[in-house]
Amino acid sequence: MNMLLQNDLQEVKEEFKVIDLQSATWVLRKLRAVNEKMNEINTIAVEEISRINEWAEKEVKSLNDDKEYFEGLLSAYYIEERAKDKKFKLSTPYGKVTSRKTSKYIYEDEQAIMDYCNMNEIDVIRVKEELDKTSFKKLCKDGVNQETGEVVPGVRVETVESISVKTE
């Protein structure tokens, strides 16, 4: 950052009011300096965060590989002992290994299932309804139905002014 901008940032904040083009120019110069400093800080932060995330991912991947290996050893031992004794339980002061039987549904052809449910009137199909706001704005300008002239309930149209300040 150049010295002029640095000096602008370091000037003392005081009660100030924009009264003419010169004071507006001064304020815009201040805003530009603040924006540049914010961008510099954000750039550095993003770089550091990405380095830390890369390091964490590498470390966690290594530990996940170890975790999978050890869980595999325990699972193999548990299955082997379970084959010998159906009531076998593995429990230590550091943890336990358990198993549970559950039903797993495998939907090979969802369309065939949906067709079957429709033909047999089994009510298990979801239909998601939502307002198409783009079409609504075209058909009901300013919250009024263009065909009937009725005001559409549940919608309010406000005119909002936005002010934008851009530094160059």
Protein backbone atom coordinates (compact mmCIF):
# COMPACT_ATOMS: atom_id res chain seq x y z
CA MET A 1 0.00 0.00 0.00
CA ASN A 2 1.43 3.40 -0.89
CA MET A 3 2.41 5.97 1.76
CA LEU A 4 -0.41 8.38 0.92
CA LEU A 5 -3.03 5.72 1.60
CA GLN A 6 -1.21 4.66 4.78
CA ASN A 7 -1.22 8.25 6.02
CA ASP A 8 -4.90 8.57 5.18
CA LEU A 9 -5.65 5.55 7.35
CA GLN A 10 -3.66 6.92 10.28
CA GLU A 11 -5.29 10.35 10.37
CA VAL A 12 -7.30 10.97 13.52
CA LYS A 13 -11.04 10.36 13.26
CA GLU A 14 -12.96 13.49 14.14
CA GLU A 15 -16.48 14.85 13.81
CA PHE A 16 -16.75 15.35 10.07
CA LYS A 17 -19.49 16.28 7.65
CA VAL A 18 -19.43 16.16 3.86
CA ILE A 19 -20.30 19.67 2.65
CA ASP A 20 -18.71 19.96 -0.79
CA LEU A 21 -16.87 18.10 -3.55
CA GLN A 22 -13.51 18.43 -1.80
CA SER A 23 -14.77 16.87 1.45
CA ALA A 24 -16.55 14.10 -0.52
CA THR A 25 -13.26 13.41 -2.33
CA TRP A 26 -11.45 13.18 1.00
CA VAL A 27 -14.04 10.72 2.36
CA LEU A 28 -13.84 8.58 -0.79
CA ARG A 29 -10.03 8.54 -0.48
CA LYS A 30 -10.43 7.35 3.13
CA LEU A 31 -12.90 4.66 2.03
CA ARG A 32 -10.50 3.50 -0.66
CA ALA A 33 -7.68 3.18 1.87
CA VAL A 34 -9.90 1.25 4.29
CA ASN A 35 -11.08 -1.07 1.49
CA GLU A 36 -7.50 -1.77 0.39
CA LYS A 37 -6.46 -2.57 3.96
CA MET A 38 -9.48 -4.88 4.37
CA ASN A 39 -8.62 -6.66 1.11
CA GLU A 40 -5.01 -7.08 2.21
CA ILE A 41 -6.07 -8.57 5.55
CA ASN A 42 -8.62 -10.87 3.91
CA THR A 43 -6.07 -12.09 1.35
CA ILE A 44 -3.58 -12.98 4.06
CA ALA A 45 -6.28 -14.67 6.14
CA VAL A 46 -7.50 -16.77 3.20
CA GLU A 47 -3.94 -17.92 2.43
CA GLU A 48 -3.28 -18.90 6.04
CA ILE A 49 -6.64 -20.64 6.42
CA SER A 50 -6.01 -22.66 3.27
CA ARG A 51 -2.56 -23.73 4.53
CA ILE A 52 -4.02 -24.78 7.87
CA ASN A 53 -6.86 -26.68 6.18
CA GLU A 54 -4.41 -28.54 3.92
CA TRP A 55 -2.29 -29.50 6.93
CA ALA A 56 -5.37 -30.66 8.88
CA GLU A 57 -6.67 -32.73 5.94
CA LYS A 58 -3.30 -34.45 5.54
CA GLU A 59 -3.06 -35.25 9.26
CA VAL A 60 -6.66 -36.45 9.51
CA LYS A 61 -6.29 -38.64 6.39
CA SER A 62 -3.30 -40.36 7.94
CA LEU A 63 -5.19 -40.90 11.19
CA ASN A 64 -8.30 -42.15 9.34
CA ASP A 65 -6.17 -44.75 7.58
CA ASP A 66 -4.90 -45.93 10.98
CA LYS A 67 -8.43 -45.94 12.39
CA GLU A 68 -9.76 -48.07 9.52
CA TYR A 69 -6.87 -50.51 9.92
CA PHE A 70 -7.48 -50.98 13.66
CA GLU A 71 -11.26 -51.24 13.23
CA GLY A 72 -10.66 -53.90 10.58
CA LEU A 73 -8.50 -55.90 12.99
CA LEU A 74 -11.19 -55.74 15.68
CA SER A 75 -13.98 -56.61 13.23
CA ALA A 76 -12.10 -59.66 11.94
CA TYR A 77 -11.47 -60.88 15.50
CA TYR A 78 -15.09 -60.23 16.49
CA ILE A 79 -16.48 -62.13 13.47
CA GLU A 80 -14.11 -65.03 14.11
CA GLU A 81 -15.11 -65.30 17.78
CA ARG A 82 -18.80 -64.77 16.97
CA ALA A 83 -18.66 -67.76 14.60
CA LYS A 84 -17.46 -69.91 17.51
CA ASP A 85 -19.87 -68.51 20.11
CA LYS A 86 -23.09 -66.69 19.11
CA LYS A 87 -23.22 -64.91 22.50
CA PHE A 88 -19.63 -63.59 22.30
CA LYS A 89 -19.16 -60.01 23.53
CA LEU A 90 -15.97 -58.00 23.19
CA SER A 91 -15.57 -55.40 25.93
CA THR A 92 -12.42 -53.80 27.34
CA PRO A 93 -11.75 -50.77 29.54
CA TYR A 94 -11.00 -48.85 26.32
CA GLY A 95 -14.13 -49.70 24.37
CA LYS A 96 -16.36 -52.44 23.06
CA VAL A 97 -17.32 -54.04 19.77
CA THR A 98 -20.97 -54.76 19.13
CA SER A 99 -23.14 -55.79 16.22
CA ARG A 100 -26.73 -55.12 15.33
CA LYS A 101 -28.94 -56.57 12.61
CA THR A 102 -31.00 -54.08 10.65
CA SER A 103 -33.02 -54.16 7.45
CA LYS A 104 -31.42 -52.30 4.57
CA TYR A 105 -33.64 -51.33 1.67
CA ILE A 106 -31.99 -51.34 -1.75
CA TYR A 107 -34.06 -49.45 -4.30
CA GLU A 108 -32.90 -50.87 -7.62
CA ASP A 109 -35.68 -49.33 -9.77
CA GLU A 110 -37.45 -46.42 -8.08
CA GLN A 111 -39.62 -45.71 -11.12
CA ALA A 112 -41.03 -49.27 -11.06
CA ILE A 113 -41.75 -48.90 -7.34
CA MET A 114 -43.52 -45.58 -7.91
CA ASP A 115 -45.58 -47.06 -10.77
CA TYR A 116 -46.60 -50.01 -8.56
CA CYS A 117 -47.59 -47.69 -5.70
CA ASN A 118 -49.64 -45.48 -8.05
CA MET A 119 -51.50 -48.46 -9.58
CA ASN A 120 -52.26 -49.96 -6.16
CA GLU A 121 -53.12 -46.60 -4.57
CA ILE A 122 -50.38 -46.80 -1.97
CA ASP A 123 -49.91 -43.22 -0.79
CA VAL A 124 -46.11 -43.01 -0.39
CA ILE A 125 -45.11 -40.56 -3.14
CA ARG A 126 -44.25 -36.99 -2.18
CA VAL A 127 -45.09 -34.06 -4.40
CA LYS A 128 -43.32 -30.83 -3.50
CA GLU A 129 -45.30 -27.67 -4.19
CA GLU A 130 -43.65 -24.29 -4.14
CA LEU A 131 -44.31 -20.84 -5.55
CA ASP A 132 -42.60 -20.07 -8.87
CA LYS A 133 -41.72 -16.48 -7.97
CA THR A 134 -40.44 -15.56 -11.43
CA SER A 135 -43.71 -16.56 -13.13
CA PHE A 136 -45.71 -14.94 -10.33
CA LYS A 137 -43.95 -11.60 -10.89
CA LYS A 138 -44.75 -11.78 -14.62
CA LEU A 139 -48.42 -12.76 -14.22
CA CYS A 140 -49.23 -10.65 -11.15
CA LYS A 141 -47.40 -7.37 -11.60
CA ASP A 142 -47.23 -5.29 -8.41
CA GLY A 143 -49.23 -7.97 -6.55
CA VAL A 144 -52.30 -7.63 -8.79
CA ASN A 145 -53.72 -10.47 -10.91
CA GLN A 146 -53.53 -9.07 -14.46
CA GLU A 147 -56.49 -11.15 -15.70
CA THR A 148 -59.01 -10.31 -12.96
CA GLY A 149 -57.60 -7.12 -11.46
CA GLU A 150 -57.74 -8.62 -7.96
CA VAL A 151 -55.07 -7.87 -5.37
CA VAL A 152 -53.31 -11.14 -4.53
CA PRO A 153 -53.47 -11.85 -0.78
CA GLY A 154 -50.23 -12.60 1.03
CA VAL A 155 -47.94 -10.45 -1.10
CA ARG A 156 -46.74 -6.92 -0.51
CA VAL A 157 -44.69 -4.97 -3.04
CA GLU A 158 -42.38 -2.27 -1.70
CA THR A 159 -40.28 0.18 -3.67
CA VAL A 160 -36.86 0.29 -2.06
CA GLU A 161 -34.05 2.67 -2.91
CA SER A 162 -30.51 1.45 -2.48
CA ILE A 163 -27.47 3.67 -2.33
CA SER A 164 -24.17 2.33 -3.58
CA VAL A 165 -20.74 3.79 -2.81
CA LYS A 166 -17.87 2.64 -5.02
CA THR A 167 -14.26 3.68 -4.73
CA GLU A 168 -11.93 3.69 -7.69
